[in-house]
Amino acid sequence: MSSQDDFRTRFYAAVTPLEKVKLCIREGRYKIVSRRDKPNLFRIEYLNSILELPSDHPHNVKSPRLSGEAGSNFVIDFEYNAEIAGTEVTIYFKGYFGTEGILKLVIQSLRKKKDN
């Protein structure tokens, strides 16, 4: 079994979208979108805090996804607290699972607090 097949098996075995997010982060299968309108945070420390969240951490799943890239037809978003350099901040996360030949987490938003 190839590593790609092994990853697919574990990805589809993950019960919740949050478990899938955590798997992609642990495996380094993600990209953070560059934005000028609402710049994203790019330090790994902001993502590492997600790995510590329980699988039942409150999250929203919205469909259909409105952006045009190939991938899942839903968006997952949630807020969580992260301690960065001794300071606790609330982070807003929003992403979806793209294909690009392999399963990959596409992070659309990773920033302090949710913009309304």
N, C-alpha and C. Protein backbone atom coordinates (compact mmCIF):
# COMPACT_ATOMS: atom_id res chain seq x y z
N MET A 1 0.83 -1.17 0.00
CA MET A 1 0.00 0.00 0.00
C MET A 1 0.88 1.24 0.00
N SER A 2 0.58 2.18 -0.88
CA SER A 2 1.37 3.40 -0.95
C SER A 2 1.03 4.33 0.22
N SER A 3 1.89 5.29 0.47
CA SER A 3 1.62 6.24 1.55
C SER A 3 0.38 7.07 1.25
N GLN A 4 0.14 7.32 -0.06
CA GLN A 4 -1.07 8.05 -0.46
C GLN A 4 -2.31 7.23 -0.13
N ASP A 5 -2.29 5.92 -0.42
CA ASP A 5 -3.43 5.06 -0.10
C ASP A 5 -3.63 4.97 1.42
N ASP A 6 -2.53 4.89 2.17
CA ASP A 6 -2.62 4.84 3.62
C ASP A 6 -3.26 6.12 4.15
N PHE A 7 -2.85 7.26 3.62
CA PHE A 7 -3.42 8.53 4.06
C PHE A 7 -4.91 8.58 3.73
N ARG A 8 -5.28 8.19 2.52
CA ARG A 8 -6.71 8.18 2.14
C ARG A 8 -7.53 7.32 3.09
N THR A 9 -7.02 6.17 3.44
CA THR A 9 -7.72 5.28 4.36
C THR A 9 -7.95 5.96 5.71
N ARG A 10 -6.90 6.58 6.23
CA ARG A 10 -7.03 7.27 7.52
C ARG A 10 -7.92 8.50 7.42
N PHE A 11 -7.83 9.21 6.29
CA PHE A 11 -8.66 10.40 6.08
C PHE A 11 -10.15 10.03 6.09
N TYR A 12 -10.52 9.02 5.32
CA TYR A 12 -11.93 8.63 5.24
C TYR A 12 -12.41 7.91 6.49
N ALA A 13 -11.50 7.38 7.29
CA ALA A 13 -11.87 6.74 8.55
C ALA A 13 -12.12 7.77 9.66
N ALA A 14 -11.60 8.98 9.51
CA ALA A 14 -11.82 10.03 10.50
C ALA A 14 -13.31 10.35 10.55
N VAL A 15 -13.88 10.33 11.74
CA VAL A 15 -15.32 10.43 11.89
C VAL A 15 -15.85 11.85 11.68
N THR A 16 -15.14 12.85 12.22
CA THR A 16 -15.63 14.22 12.12
C THR A 16 -14.74 15.04 11.19
N PRO A 17 -15.29 16.13 10.63
CA PRO A 17 -14.44 17.02 9.82
C PRO A 17 -13.26 17.56 10.62
N LEU A 18 -13.44 17.79 11.92
CA LEU A 18 -12.33 18.28 12.74
C LEU A 18 -11.21 17.24 12.84
N GLU A 19 -11.57 15.96 12.92
CA GLU A 19 -10.54 14.91 12.92
C GLU A 19 -9.78 14.91 11.60
N LYS A 20 -10.46 15.17 10.50
CA LYS A 20 -9.81 15.24 9.19
C LYS A 20 -8.85 16.43 9.14
N VAL A 21 -9.27 17.58 9.71
CA VAL A 21 -8.41 18.76 9.78
C VAL A 21 -7.14 18.42 10.56
N LYS A 22 -7.30 17.80 11.71
CA LYS A 22 -6.15 17.46 12.55
C LYS A 22 -5.20 16.49 11.83
N LEU A 23 -5.75 15.51 11.13
CA LEU A 23 -4.92 14.57 10.37
C LEU A 23 -4.11 15.30 9.31
N CYS A 24 -4.74 16.19 8.57
CA CYS A 24 -4.02 16.93 7.52
C CYS A 24 -2.91 17.80 8.11
N ILE A 25 -3.16 18.42 9.26
CA ILE A 25 -2.13 19.24 9.90
C ILE A 25 -0.97 18.36 10.34
N ARG A 26 -1.28 17.23 11.03
CA ARG A 26 -0.22 16.33 11.50
C ARG A 26 0.64 15.83 10.34
N GLU A 27 0.02 15.57 9.20
CA GLU A 27 0.74 15.01 8.05
C GLU A 27 1.36 16.09 7.15
N GLY A 28 1.15 17.36 7.48
CA GLY A 28 1.69 18.44 6.65
C GLY A 28 0.98 18.56 5.31
N ARG A 29 -0.23 18.12 5.23
CA ARG A 29 -1.01 18.18 3.98
C ARG A 29 -1.98 19.35 4.05
N TYR A 30 -1.45 20.54 3.99
CA TYR A 30 -2.29 21.73 4.01
C TYR A 30 -1.57 22.86 3.29
N LYS A 31 -2.36 23.84 2.91
CA LYS A 31 -1.80 25.10 2.43
C LYS A 31 -2.65 26.21 3.00
N ILE A 32 -2.02 27.31 3.35
CA ILE A 32 -2.71 28.48 3.87
C ILE A 32 -2.78 29.49 2.74
N VAL A 33 -3.98 29.91 2.42
CA VAL A 33 -4.20 30.84 1.31
C VAL A 33 -3.65 32.22 1.69
N SER A 34 -2.95 32.85 0.76
CA SER A 34 -2.49 34.22 0.96
C SER A 34 -3.62 35.16 0.62
N ARG A 35 -3.89 36.10 1.52
CA ARG A 35 -4.98 37.05 1.33
C ARG A 35 -4.47 38.45 1.63
N ARG A 36 -4.93 39.42 0.86
CA ARG A 36 -4.58 40.81 1.14
C ARG A 36 -5.69 41.49 1.94
N ASP A 37 -6.94 41.06 1.71
CA ASP A 37 -8.06 41.71 2.38
C ASP A 37 -8.10 41.40 3.88
N LYS A 38 -7.81 40.16 4.24
CA LYS A 38 -7.79 39.73 5.63
C LYS A 38 -6.59 38.80 5.78
N PRO A 39 -5.40 39.36 6.01
CA PRO A 39 -4.19 38.52 6.04
C PRO A 39 -4.28 37.36 7.04
N ASN A 40 -3.78 36.22 6.63
CA ASN A 40 -3.77 35.03 7.46
C ASN A 40 -2.48 34.92 8.26
N LEU A 41 -2.57 34.21 9.37
CA LEU A 41 -1.41 33.90 10.20
C LEU A 41 -0.72 32.68 9.59
N PHE A 42 0.58 32.67 9.53
CA PHE A 42 1.28 31.58 8.86
C PHE A 42 2.16 30.75 9.78
N ARG A 43 2.30 31.12 11.05
CA ARG A 43 3.19 30.35 11.94
C ARG A 43 2.53 29.04 12.35
N ILE A 44 3.28 27.98 12.37
CA ILE A 44 2.79 26.64 12.71
C ILE A 44 2.20 26.60 14.11
N GLU A 45 2.65 27.49 14.99
CA GLU A 45 2.14 27.50 16.36
C GLU A 45 0.62 27.68 16.38
N TYR A 46 0.08 28.44 15.43
CA TYR A 46 -1.37 28.66 15.37
C TYR A 46 -2.11 27.39 15.00
N LEU A 47 -1.49 26.53 14.21
CA LEU A 47 -2.12 25.27 13.83
C LEU A 47 -1.92 24.19 14.88
N ASN A 48 -0.79 24.21 15.57
CA ASN A 48 -0.52 23.18 16.57
C ASN A 48 -1.59 23.13 17.66
N SER A 49 -2.15 24.28 18.00
CA SER A 49 -3.20 24.31 19.03
C SER A 49 -4.44 23.53 18.60
N ILE A 50 -4.69 23.42 17.32
CA ILE A 50 -5.84 22.64 16.82
C ILE A 50 -5.66 21.18 17.18
N LEU A 51 -4.42 20.70 17.15
CA LEU A 51 -4.17 19.28 17.43
C LEU A 51 -4.56 18.90 18.85
N GLU A 52 -4.60 19.87 19.73
CA GLU A 52 -4.95 19.61 21.13
C GLU A 52 -6.46 19.67 21.39
N LEU A 53 -7.25 20.11 20.40
CA LEU A 53 -8.70 20.21 20.60
C LEU A 53 -9.33 18.83 20.64
N PRO A 54 -10.38 18.66 21.46
CA PRO A 54 -11.09 17.38 21.44
C PRO A 54 -11.85 17.23 20.12
N SER A 55 -12.09 16.02 19.70
CA SER A 55 -12.77 15.78 18.42
C SER A 55 -14.18 16.35 18.37
N ASP A 56 -14.77 16.56 19.55
CA ASP A 56 -16.12 17.12 19.57
C ASP A 56 -16.13 18.64 19.82
N HIS A 57 -14.96 19.30 19.62
CA HIS A 57 -14.90 20.75 19.75
C HIS A 57 -15.93 21.36 18.79
N PRO A 58 -16.68 22.36 19.25
CA PRO A 58 -17.72 22.95 18.38
C PRO A 58 -17.15 23.46 17.06
N HIS A 59 -17.77 23.03 15.98
CA HIS A 59 -17.39 23.48 14.65
C HIS A 59 -18.63 23.52 13.78
N ASN A 60 -18.57 24.33 12.74
CA ASN A 60 -19.67 24.45 11.78
C ASN A 60 -19.25 23.84 10.46
N VAL A 61 -20.18 23.20 9.82
CA VAL A 61 -19.96 22.70 8.46
C VAL A 61 -21.02 23.33 7.59
N LYS A 62 -20.57 24.07 6.57
CA LYS A 62 -21.50 24.78 5.70
C LYS A 62 -21.35 24.24 4.28
N SER A 63 -22.47 24.00 3.64
CA SER A 63 -22.40 23.64 2.23
C SER A 63 -23.58 24.28 1.53
N PRO A 64 -23.51 24.52 0.26
CA PRO A 64 -22.34 24.22 -0.57
C PRO A 64 -21.24 25.27 -0.39
N ARG A 65 -20.03 24.84 -0.67
CA ARG A 65 -18.88 25.75 -0.66
C ARG A 65 -18.98 26.62 -1.90
N LEU A 66 -18.74 27.90 -1.79
CA LEU A 66 -18.96 28.83 -2.90
C LEU A 66 -17.72 29.13 -3.73
N SER A 67 -16.52 28.84 -3.22
CA SER A 67 -15.32 29.11 -4.02
C SER A 67 -15.21 28.08 -5.15
N GLY A 68 -14.48 28.42 -6.20
CA GLY A 68 -14.48 27.62 -7.40
C GLY A 68 -13.45 26.51 -7.52
N GLU A 69 -12.47 26.43 -6.60
CA GLU A 69 -11.45 25.38 -6.73
C GLU A 69 -12.03 23.99 -6.52
N ALA A 70 -11.36 23.00 -7.07
CA ALA A 70 -11.78 21.61 -6.87
C ALA A 70 -11.61 21.22 -5.42
N GLY A 71 -12.51 20.41 -4.92
CA GLY A 71 -12.39 19.94 -3.55
C GLY A 71 -13.74 19.63 -2.95
N SER A 72 -13.78 19.48 -1.66
CA SER A 72 -15.02 19.13 -0.98
C SER A 72 -16.06 20.22 -1.19
N ASN A 73 -17.32 19.83 -1.11
CA ASN A 73 -18.39 20.79 -1.32
C ASN A 73 -18.89 21.35 0.01
N PHE A 74 -18.01 21.42 0.99
CA PHE A 74 -18.39 22.03 2.27
C PHE A 74 -17.18 22.75 2.86
N VAL A 75 -17.49 23.67 3.75
CA VAL A 75 -16.49 24.44 4.47
C VAL A 75 -16.64 24.13 5.95
N ILE A 76 -15.55 23.98 6.66
CA ILE A 76 -15.57 23.83 8.11
C ILE A 76 -14.98 25.09 8.71
N ASP A 77 -15.63 25.60 9.75
CA ASP A 77 -15.04 26.73 10.46
C ASP A 77 -15.30 26.59 11.95
N PHE A 78 -14.41 27.19 12.73
CA PHE A 78 -14.52 27.15 14.18
C PHE A 78 -13.56 28.17 14.78
N GLU A 79 -13.80 28.46 16.06
CA GLU A 79 -12.88 29.31 16.82
C GLU A 79 -12.23 28.46 17.90
N TYR A 80 -11.02 28.81 18.26
CA TYR A 80 -10.30 28.10 19.31
C TYR A 80 -9.30 29.05 19.95
N ASN A 81 -8.87 28.70 21.14
CA ASN A 81 -7.86 29.51 21.84
C ASN A 81 -6.49 28.90 21.63
N ALA A 82 -5.52 29.77 21.43
CA ALA A 82 -4.13 29.34 21.28
C ALA A 82 -3.26 30.23 22.14
N GLU A 83 -2.24 29.64 22.75
CA GLU A 83 -1.28 30.42 23.52
C GLU A 83 -0.03 30.58 22.68
N ILE A 84 0.25 31.81 22.31
CA ILE A 84 1.39 32.12 21.47
C ILE A 84 2.27 33.11 22.23
N ALA A 85 3.51 32.71 22.46
CA ALA A 85 4.49 33.54 23.18
C ALA A 85 3.92 34.04 24.50
N GLY A 86 3.22 33.14 25.22
CA GLY A 86 2.69 33.48 26.53
C GLY A 86 1.40 34.27 26.54
N THR A 87 0.86 34.55 25.35
CA THR A 87 -0.38 35.32 25.26
C THR A 87 -1.47 34.43 24.65
N GLU A 88 -2.64 34.41 25.30
CA GLU A 88 -3.74 33.62 24.76
C GLU A 88 -4.55 34.46 23.78
N VAL A 89 -4.78 33.91 22.61
CA VAL A 89 -5.56 34.59 21.57
C VAL A 89 -6.64 33.65 21.06
N THR A 90 -7.75 34.23 20.62
CA THR A 90 -8.81 33.46 19.98
C THR A 90 -8.57 33.51 18.48
N ILE A 91 -8.54 32.34 17.86
CA ILE A 91 -8.26 32.21 16.43
C ILE A 91 -9.52 31.74 15.71
N TYR A 92 -9.75 32.31 14.55
CA TYR A 92 -10.83 31.88 13.67
C TYR A 92 -10.21 31.06 12.54
N PHE A 93 -10.72 29.86 12.33
CA PHE A 93 -10.24 28.94 11.30
C PHE A 93 -11.38 28.66 10.32
N LYS A 94 -11.05 28.66 9.02
CA LYS A 94 -12.02 28.30 8.00
C LYS A 94 -11.27 27.61 6.88
N GLY A 95 -11.75 26.44 6.45
CA GLY A 95 -11.07 25.72 5.38
C GLY A 95 -11.95 24.65 4.76
N TYR A 96 -11.40 24.00 3.77
CA TYR A 96 -12.06 22.89 3.09
C TYR A 96 -10.99 21.92 2.62
N PHE A 97 -11.43 20.77 2.16
CA PHE A 97 -10.50 19.74 1.70
C PHE A 97 -10.44 19.76 0.18
N GLY A 98 -9.27 20.11 -0.36
CA GLY A 98 -9.07 20.15 -1.80
C GLY A 98 -8.51 18.83 -2.29
N THR A 99 -8.44 18.69 -3.58
CA THR A 99 -7.92 17.46 -4.15
C THR A 99 -6.51 17.66 -4.67
N GLU A 100 -6.33 18.43 -5.70
CA GLU A 100 -5.01 18.68 -6.29
C GLU A 100 -4.21 17.40 -6.43
N GLY A 101 -4.88 16.32 -6.80
CA GLY A 101 -4.19 15.04 -6.96
C GLY A 101 -4.06 14.26 -5.66
N ILE A 102 -4.02 14.97 -4.54
CA ILE A 102 -3.99 14.33 -3.23
C ILE A 102 -4.95 15.08 -2.32
N LEU A 103 -5.40 14.44 -1.29
CA LEU A 103 -6.24 15.12 -0.31
C LEU A 103 -5.38 16.13 0.43
N LYS A 104 -5.88 17.35 0.54
CA LYS A 104 -5.12 18.41 1.17
C LYS A 104 -6.09 19.39 1.82
N LEU A 105 -5.74 19.91 2.96
CA LEU A 105 -6.54 20.91 3.64
C LEU A 105 -6.17 22.28 3.07
N VAL A 106 -7.16 23.02 2.60
CA VAL A 106 -6.95 24.37 2.10
C VAL A 106 -7.51 25.31 3.17
N ILE A 107 -6.64 26.09 3.79
CA ILE A 107 -7.04 26.98 4.88
C ILE A 107 -7.29 28.36 4.28
N GLN A 108 -8.56 28.75 4.28
CA GLN A 108 -8.95 30.04 3.72
C GLN A 108 -8.77 31.17 4.72
N SER A 109 -9.01 30.89 5.99
CA SER A 109 -8.89 31.90 7.04
C SER A 109 -8.20 31.30 8.25
N LEU A 110 -7.20 31.97 8.73
CA LEU A 110 -6.50 31.63 9.97
C LEU A 110 -6.05 32.96 10.55
N ARG A 111 -6.92 33.53 11.39
CA ARG A 111 -6.63 34.87 11.90
C ARG A 111 -7.23 35.06 13.28
N LYS A 112 -6.77 36.10 13.94
CA LYS A 112 -7.29 36.42 15.26
C LYS A 112 -8.73 36.86 15.14
N LYS A 113 -9.59 36.25 15.94
CA LYS A 113 -11.02 36.55 16.04
C LYS A 113 -11.73 36.54 14.70
N LYS A 114 -12.97 36.18 14.76
CA LYS A 114 -13.81 36.07 13.57
C LYS A 114 -14.31 37.44 13.15
N ASP A 115 -14.17 37.74 11.85
CA ASP A 115 -14.75 38.99 11.30
C ASP A 115 -16.21 38.74 10.99
N ASN A 116 -17.05 39.65 11.35
CA ASN A 116 -18.48 39.48 11.05
C ASN A 116 -18.83 40.06 9.72
